[in-house]
Amino acid sequence: MSINNSEEYVVIKAKENGVTIIGLTRGKDTKFHHSEKLDKGEIMIAQFTEHTSAMKIRGRAEVLTRHGRMHTDE
């Protein structure tokens, strides 16, 4: 199955120190494959790929996608 993810970017802005972003794998078993920590005000631009099917965000952050803007503290 071919998935075109070339335009699936996510922008994450930390609203506090220690926000964790965890990448989850695609496939039969979902597993953690990468994590990053952000401090307040830092921004990360991430992309879904053939290996990354989901992201888990811990901490207060603002998330922007083509589907809209969300806040983890709501």
PDB file of N, CA and C in Angstrom:
ATOM      1  N   MET A   1       0.838  -1.178   0.000  1.00  0.00           N
ATOM      2  CA  MET A   1       0.000   0.000   0.000  1.00  0.00           C
ATOM      3  C   MET A   1       0.882   1.239   0.000  1.00  0.00           C
ATOM      4  N   SER A   2       0.690   2.086  -0.943  1.00  0.00           N
ATOM      5  CA  SER A   2       1.481   3.303  -1.048  1.00  0.00           C
ATOM      6  C   SER A   2       0.694   4.475  -0.485  1.00  0.00           C
ATOM      7  N   ILE A   3       1.310   5.203   0.424  1.00  0.00           N
ATOM      8  CA  ILE A   3       0.666   6.355   1.040  1.00  0.00           C
ATOM      9  C   ILE A   3       1.497   7.584   0.737  1.00  0.00           C
ATOM     10  N   ASN A   4       0.858   8.633   0.198  1.00  0.00           N
ATOM     11  CA  ASN A   4       1.567   9.871  -0.090  1.00  0.00           C
ATOM     12  C   ASN A   4       1.434  10.794   1.109  1.00  0.00           C
ATOM     13  N   ASN A   5       2.501  10.927   1.875  1.00  0.00           N
ATOM     14  CA  ASN A   5       2.491  11.764   3.070  1.00  0.00           C
ATOM     15  C   ASN A   5       3.259  13.059   2.882  1.00  0.00           C
ATOM     16  N   SER A   6       3.600  13.389   1.663  1.00  0.00           N
ATOM     17  CA  SER A   6       4.494  14.509   1.422  1.00  0.00           C
ATOM     18  C   SER A   6       3.948  15.846   1.911  1.00  0.00           C
ATOM     19  N   GLU A   7       2.652  15.963   2.123  1.00  0.00           N
ATOM     20  CA  GLU A   7       2.087  17.226   2.574  1.00  0.00           C
ATOM     21  C   GLU A   7       1.536  17.156   3.991  1.00  0.00           C
ATOM     22  N   GLU A   8       1.797  16.077   4.706  1.00  0.00           N
ATOM     23  CA  GLU A   8       1.267  15.902   6.054  1.00  0.00           C
ATOM     24  C   GLU A   8       2.266  16.375   7.104  1.00  0.00           C
ATOM     25  N   TYR A   9       2.355  17.689   7.253  1.00  0.00           N
ATOM     26  CA  TYR A   9       3.239  18.266   8.259  1.00  0.00           C
ATOM     27  C   TYR A   9       2.430  18.659   9.482  1.00  0.00           C
ATOM     28  N   VAL A  10       3.083  18.616  10.639  1.00  0.00           N
ATOM     29  CA  VAL A  10       2.481  19.026  11.893  1.00  0.00           C
ATOM     30  C   VAL A  10       3.455  19.990  12.553  1.00  0.00           C
ATOM     31  N   VAL A  11       2.960  21.123  13.037  1.00  0.00           N
ATOM     32  CA  VAL A  11       3.785  22.072  13.766  1.00  0.00           C
ATOM     33  C   VAL A  11       3.374  22.000  15.231  1.00  0.00           C
ATOM     34  N   ILE A  12       4.352  21.812  16.106  1.00  0.00           N
ATOM     35  CA  ILE A  12       4.097  21.699  17.540  1.00  0.00           C
ATOM     36  C   ILE A  12       4.886  22.797  18.245  1.00  0.00           C
ATOM     37  N   LYS A  13       4.182  23.642  19.015  1.00  0.00           N
ATOM     38  CA  LYS A  13       4.834  24.705  19.782  1.00  0.00           C
ATOM     39  C   LYS A  13       4.619  24.423  21.261  1.00  0.00           C
ATOM     40  N   ALA A  14       5.725  24.307  21.997  1.00  0.00           N
ATOM     41  CA  ALA A  14       5.664  24.020  23.438  1.00  0.00           C
ATOM     42  C   ALA A  14       5.181  25.242  24.200  1.00  0.00           C
ATOM     43  N   LYS A  15       4.225  25.047  25.082  1.00  0.00           N
ATOM     44  CA  LYS A  15       3.704  26.111  25.936  1.00  0.00           C
ATOM     45  C   LYS A  15       4.296  26.029  27.344  1.00  0.00           C
ATOM     46  N   GLU A  16       5.140  25.001  27.589  1.00  0.00           N
ATOM     47  CA  GLU A  16       5.825  24.826  28.864  1.00  0.00           C
ATOM     48  C   GLU A  16       7.098  24.024  28.603  1.00  0.00           C
ATOM     49  N   ASN A  17       8.005  24.017  29.552  1.00  0.00           N
ATOM     50  CA  ASN A  17       9.215  23.216  29.429  1.00  0.00           C
ATOM     51  C   ASN A  17       8.891  21.736  29.539  1.00  0.00           C
ATOM     52  N   GLY A  18       9.619  20.918  28.788  1.00  0.00           N
ATOM     53  CA  GLY A  18       9.500  19.473  28.917  1.00  0.00           C
ATOM     54  C   GLY A  18       8.388  18.825  28.118  1.00  0.00           C
ATOM     55  N   VAL A  19       7.878  19.486  27.085  1.00  0.00           N
ATOM     56  CA  VAL A  19       6.862  18.864  26.233  1.00  0.00           C
ATOM     57  C   VAL A  19       7.525  17.720  25.463  1.00  0.00           C
ATOM     58  N   THR A  20       6.918  16.550  25.489  1.00  0.00           N
ATOM     59  CA  THR A  20       7.476  15.375  24.822  1.00  0.00           C
ATOM     60  C   THR A  20       6.640  15.016  23.608  1.00  0.00           C
ATOM     61  N   ILE A  21       7.330  14.771  22.489  1.00  0.00           N
ATOM     62  CA  ILE A  21       6.679  14.315  21.261  1.00  0.00           C
ATOM     63  C   ILE A  21       7.216  12.921  20.973  1.00  0.00           C
ATOM     64  N   ILE A  22       6.314  11.968  20.816  1.00  0.00           N
ATOM     65  CA  ILE A  22       6.704  10.578  20.598  1.00  0.00           C
ATOM     66  C   ILE A  22       6.151  10.123  19.254  1.00  0.00           C
ATOM     67  N   GLY A  23       7.027   9.615  18.393  1.00  0.00           N
ATOM     68  CA  GLY A  23       6.611   9.065  17.106  1.00  0.00           C
ATOM     69  C   GLY A  23       6.259   7.594  17.258  1.00  0.00           C
ATOM     70  N   LEU A  24       5.140   7.195  16.670  1.00  0.00           N
ATOM     71  CA  LEU A  24       4.676   5.810  16.737  1.00  0.00           C
ATOM     72  C   LEU A  24       4.744   5.179  15.360  1.00  0.00           C
ATOM     73  N   THR A  25       5.134   3.917  15.314  1.00  0.00           N
ATOM     74  CA  THR A  25       5.335   3.226  14.040  1.00  0.00           C
ATOM     75  C   THR A  25       4.029   2.818  13.393  1.00  0.00           C
ATOM     76  N   ARG A  26       4.136   2.534  12.119  1.00  0.00           N
ATOM     77  CA  ARG A  26       3.051   2.032  11.294  1.00  0.00           C
ATOM     78  C   ARG A  26       3.214   0.518  11.207  1.00  0.00           C
ATOM     79  N   GLY A  27       2.161  -0.209  10.957  1.00  0.00           N
ATOM     80  CA  GLY A  27       2.283  -1.647  10.738  1.00  0.00           C
ATOM     81  C   GLY A  27       1.442  -2.473  11.688  1.00  0.00           C
ATOM     82  N   LYS A  28       1.735  -3.758  11.724  1.00  0.00           N
ATOM     83  CA  LYS A  28       0.948  -4.713  12.515  1.00  0.00           C
ATOM     84  C   LYS A  28       0.958  -4.361  14.002  1.00  0.00           C
ATOM     85  N   ASP A  29       2.126  -4.026  14.548  1.00  0.00           N
ATOM     86  CA  ASP A  29       2.259  -3.643  15.946  1.00  0.00           C
ATOM     87  C   ASP A  29       2.726  -2.201  16.043  1.00  0.00           C
ATOM     88  N   THR A  30       2.004  -1.374  16.773  1.00  0.00           N
ATOM     89  CA  THR A  30       2.405   0.010  16.969  1.00  0.00           C
ATOM     90  C   THR A  30       3.445   0.073  18.073  1.00  0.00           C
ATOM     91  N   LYS A  31       4.577   0.731  17.802  1.00  0.00           N
ATOM     92  CA  LYS A  31       5.664   0.853  18.775  1.00  0.00           C
ATOM     93  C   LYS A  31       6.198   2.276  18.756  1.00  0.00           C
ATOM     94  N   PHE A  32       6.803   2.681  19.875  1.00  0.00           N
ATOM     95  CA  PHE A  32       7.503   3.959  19.918  1.00  0.00           C
ATOM     96  C   PHE A  32       8.779   3.830  19.100  1.00  0.00           C
ATOM     97  N   HIS A  33       9.094   4.818  18.248  1.00  0.00           N
ATOM     98  CA  HIS A  33      10.356   4.742  17.520  1.00  0.00           C
ATOM     99  C   HIS A  33      11.215   5.982  17.652  1.00  0.00           C
ATOM    100  N   HIS A  34      10.681   7.076  18.195  1.00  0.00           N
ATOM    101  CA  HIS A  34      11.473   8.293  18.313  1.00  0.00           C
ATOM    102  C   HIS A  34      10.788   9.228  19.302  1.00  0.00           C
ATOM    103  N   SER A  35      11.580   9.974  20.064  1.00  0.00           N
ATOM    104  CA  SER A  35      10.978  10.988  20.933  1.00  0.00           C
ATOM    105  C   SER A  35      11.862  12.230  20.964  1.00  0.00           C
ATOM    106  N   GLU A  36      11.220  13.348  21.211  1.00  0.00           N
ATOM    107  CA  GLU A  36      11.888  14.648  21.310  1.00  0.00           C
ATOM    108  C   GLU A  36      11.302  15.394  22.491  1.00  0.00           C
ATOM    109  N   LYS A  37      12.119  16.235  23.132  1.00  0.00           N
ATOM    110  CA  LYS A  37      11.641  17.106  24.209  1.00  0.00           C
ATOM    111  C   LYS A  37      11.792  18.548  23.761  1.00  0.00           C
ATOM    112  N   LEU A  38      10.774  19.346  24.020  1.00  0.00           N
ATOM    113  CA  LEU A  38      10.792  20.765  23.689  1.00  0.00           C
ATOM    114  C   LEU A  38      10.659  21.589  24.961  1.00  0.00           C
ATOM    115  N   ASP A  39      11.312  22.739  24.983  1.00  0.00           N
ATOM    116  CA  ASP A  39      11.141  23.685  26.068  1.00  0.00           C
ATOM    117  C   ASP A  39      10.192  24.796  25.617  1.00  0.00           C
ATOM    118  N   LYS A  40       9.673  25.549  26.565  1.00  0.00           N
ATOM    119  CA  LYS A  40       8.684  26.582  26.297  1.00  0.00           C
ATOM    120  C   LYS A  40       9.149  27.490  25.161  1.00  0.00           C
ATOM    121  N   GLY A  41       8.274  27.677  24.185  1.00  0.00           N
ATOM    122  CA  GLY A  41       8.548  28.538  23.049  1.00  0.00           C
ATOM    123  C   GLY A  41       9.203  27.830  21.875  1.00  0.00           C
ATOM    124  N   GLU A  42       9.753  26.640  22.085  1.00  0.00           N
ATOM    125  CA  GLU A  42      10.370  25.911  20.980  1.00  0.00           C
ATOM    126  C   GLU A  42       9.306  25.342  20.057  1.00  0.00           C
ATOM    127  N   ILE A  43       9.651  25.246  18.777  1.00  0.00           N
ATOM    128  CA  ILE A  43       8.743  24.727  17.755  1.00  0.00           C
ATOM    129  C   ILE A  43       9.399  23.560  17.054  1.00  0.00           C
ATOM    130  N   MET A  44       8.607  22.531  16.793  1.00  0.00           N
ATOM    131  CA  MET A  44       9.081  21.392  16.010  1.00  0.00           C
ATOM    132  C   MET A  44       8.139  21.213  14.829  1.00  0.00           C
ATOM    133  N   ILE A  45       8.719  21.013  13.656  1.00  0.00           N
ATOM    134  CA  ILE A  45       7.934  20.706  12.468  1.00  0.00           C
ATOM    135  C   ILE A  45       8.181  19.243  12.163  1.00  0.00           C
ATOM    136  N   ALA A  46       7.122  18.446  12.165  1.00  0.00           N
ATOM    137  CA  ALA A  46       7.236  17.003  11.970  1.00  0.00           C
ATOM    138  C   ALA A  46       6.417  16.590  10.754  1.00  0.00           C
ATOM    139  N   GLN A  47       6.756  15.430  10.222  1.00  0.00           N
ATOM    140  CA  GLN A  47       6.073  14.929   9.038  1.00  0.00           C
ATOM    141  C   GLN A  47       5.726  13.455   9.227  1.00  0.00           C
ATOM    142  N   PHE A  48       4.519  13.087   8.831  1.00  0.00           N
ATOM    143  CA  PHE A  48       4.152  11.679   8.827  1.00  0.00           C
ATOM    144  C   PHE A  48       4.883  11.017   7.664  1.00  0.00           C
ATOM    145  N   THR A  49       5.379   9.808   7.867  1.00  0.00           N
ATOM    146  CA  THR A  49       6.166   9.105   6.848  1.00  0.00           C
ATOM    147  C   THR A  49       5.661   7.679   6.704  1.00  0.00           C
ATOM    148  N   GLU A  50       6.339   6.899   5.888  1.00  0.00           N
ATOM    149  CA  GLU A  50       5.961   5.495   5.750  1.00  0.00           C
ATOM    150  C   GLU A  50       6.228   4.735   7.039  1.00  0.00           C
ATOM    151  N   HIS A  51       7.056   5.282   7.944  1.00  0.00           N
ATOM    152  CA  HIS A  51       7.345   4.627   9.222  1.00  0.00           C
ATOM    153  C   HIS A  51       6.566   5.229  10.394  1.00  0.00           C
ATOM    154  N   THR A  52       6.180   6.489  10.283  1.00  0.00           N
ATOM    155  CA  THR A  52       5.480   7.175  11.371  1.00  0.00           C
ATOM    156  C   THR A  52       4.010   7.337  11.015  1.00  0.00           C
ATOM    157  N   SER A  53       3.140   6.699  11.817  1.00  0.00           N
ATOM    158  CA  SER A  53       1.713   6.781  11.545  1.00  0.00           C
ATOM    159  C   SER A  53       0.969   7.637  12.566  1.00  0.00           C
ATOM    160  N   ALA A  54       1.622   7.919  13.711  1.00  0.00           N
ATOM    161  CA  ALA A  54       0.955   8.688  14.754  1.00  0.00           C
ATOM    162  C   ALA A  54       2.001   9.395  15.605  1.00  0.00           C
ATOM    163  N   MET A  55       1.556  10.443  16.299  1.00  0.00           N
ATOM    164  CA  MET A  55       2.412  11.151  17.239  1.00  0.00           C
ATOM    165  C   MET A  55       1.647  11.335  18.529  1.00  0.00           C
ATOM    166  N   LYS A  56       2.357  11.164  19.628  1.00  0.00           N
ATOM    167  CA  LYS A  56       1.776  11.367  20.946  1.00  0.00           C
ATOM    168  C   LYS A  56       2.483  12.571  21.562  1.00  0.00           C
ATOM    169  N   ILE A  57       1.704  13.511  22.106  1.00  0.00           N
ATOM    170  CA  ILE A  57       2.275  14.729  22.666  1.00  0.00           C
ATOM    171  C   ILE A  57       1.894  14.810  24.136  1.00  0.00           C
ATOM    172  N   ARG A  58       2.911  14.940  24.995  1.00  0.00           N
ATOM    173  CA  ARG A  58       2.698  15.082  26.442  1.00  0.00           C
ATOM    174  C   ARG A  58       3.131  16.465  26.865  1.00  0.00           C
ATOM    175  N   GLY A  59       2.286  17.148  27.623  1.00  0.00           N
ATOM    176  CA  GLY A  59       2.583  18.497  28.073  1.00  0.00           C
ATOM    177  C   GLY A  59       1.722  19.505  27.341  1.00  0.00           C
ATOM    178  N   ARG A  60       1.814  20.757  27.780  1.00  0.00           N
ATOM    179  CA  ARG A  60       1.013  21.827  27.179  1.00  0.00           C
ATOM    180  C   ARG A  60       1.657  22.292  25.887  1.00  0.00           C
ATOM    181  N   ALA A  61       0.912  22.164  24.794  1.00  0.00           N
ATOM    182  CA  ALA A  61       1.437  22.546  23.483  1.00  0.00           C
ATOM    183  C   ALA A  61       0.310  22.993  22.572  1.00  0.00           C
ATOM    184  N   GLU A  62       0.706  23.760  21.562  1.00  0.00           N
ATOM    185  CA  GLU A  62      -0.204  24.148  20.490  1.00  0.00           C
ATOM    186  C   GLU A  62       0.194  23.322  19.272  1.00  0.00           C
ATOM    187  N   VAL A  63      -0.788  22.719  18.618  1.00  0.00           N
ATOM    188  CA  VAL A  63      -0.521  21.847  17.473  1.00  0.00           C
ATOM    189  C   VAL A  63      -1.273  22.410  16.263  1.00  0.00           C
ATOM    190  N   LEU A  64      -0.539  22.622  15.169  1.00  0.00           N
ATOM    191  CA  LEU A  64      -1.148  23.128  13.938  1.00  0.00           C
ATOM    192  C   LEU A  64      -1.004  22.074  12.846  1.00  0.00           C
ATOM    193  N   THR A  65      -2.134  21.764  12.200  1.00  0.00           N
ATOM    194  CA  THR A  65      -2.149  20.828  11.079  1.00  0.00           C
ATOM    195  C   THR A  65      -2.991  21.439   9.971  1.00  0.00           C
ATOM    196  N   ARG A  66      -3.069  20.773   8.863  1.00  0.00           N
ATOM    197  CA  ARG A  66      -3.933  21.275   7.789  1.00  0.00           C
ATOM    198  C   ARG A  66      -5.404  21.164   8.184  1.00  0.00           C
ATOM    199  N   HIS A  67      -5.680  20.436   9.255  1.00  0.00           N
ATOM    200  CA  HIS A  67      -7.052  20.277   9.753  1.00  0.00           C
ATOM    201  C   HIS A  67      -7.439  21.329  10.776  1.00  0.00           C
ATOM    202  N   GLY A  68      -6.462  22.134  11.205  1.00  0.00           N
ATOM    203  CA  GLY A  68      -6.770  23.187  12.159  1.00  0.00           C
ATOM    204  C   GLY A  68      -5.736  23.284  13.269  1.00  0.00           C
ATOM    205  N   ARG A  69      -6.103  24.059  14.285  1.00  0.00           N
ATOM    206  CA  ARG A  69      -5.227  24.338  15.431  1.00  0.00           C
ATOM    207  C   ARG A  69      -5.850  23.709  16.674  1.00  0.00           C
ATOM    208  N   MET A  70      -5.004  23.045  17.456  1.00  0.00           N
ATOM    209  CA  MET A  70      -5.467  22.413  18.689  1.00  0.00           C
ATOM    210  C   MET A  70      -4.516  22.762  19.825  1.00  0.00           C
ATOM    211  N   HIS A  71      -5.012  22.675  21.034  1.00  0.00           N
ATOM    212  CA  HIS A  71      -4.196  22.888  22.227  1.00  0.00           C
ATOM    213  C   HIS A  71      -4.334  21.649  23.106  1.00  0.00           C
ATOM    214  N   THR A  72      -3.214  21.147  23.603  1.00  0.00           N
ATOM    215  CA  THR A  72      -3.284  19.934  24.428  1.00  0.00           C
ATOM    216  C   THR A  72      -3.878  20.209  25.794  1.00  0.00           C
ATOM    217  N   ASP A  73      -3.945  21.465  26.222  1.00  0.00           N
ATOM    218  CA  ASP A  73      -4.490  21.777  27.542  1.00  0.00           C
ATOM    219  C   ASP A  73      -5.989  22.000  27.534  1.00  0.00           C
ATOM    220  N   GLU A  74      -6.665  21.770  26.412  1.00  0.00           N
ATOM    221  CA  GLU A  74      -8.122  21.953  26.345  1.00  0.00           C
ATOM    222  C   GLU A  74      -8.831  20.647  26.602  1.00  0.00           C
TER     223      GLU A  74
END
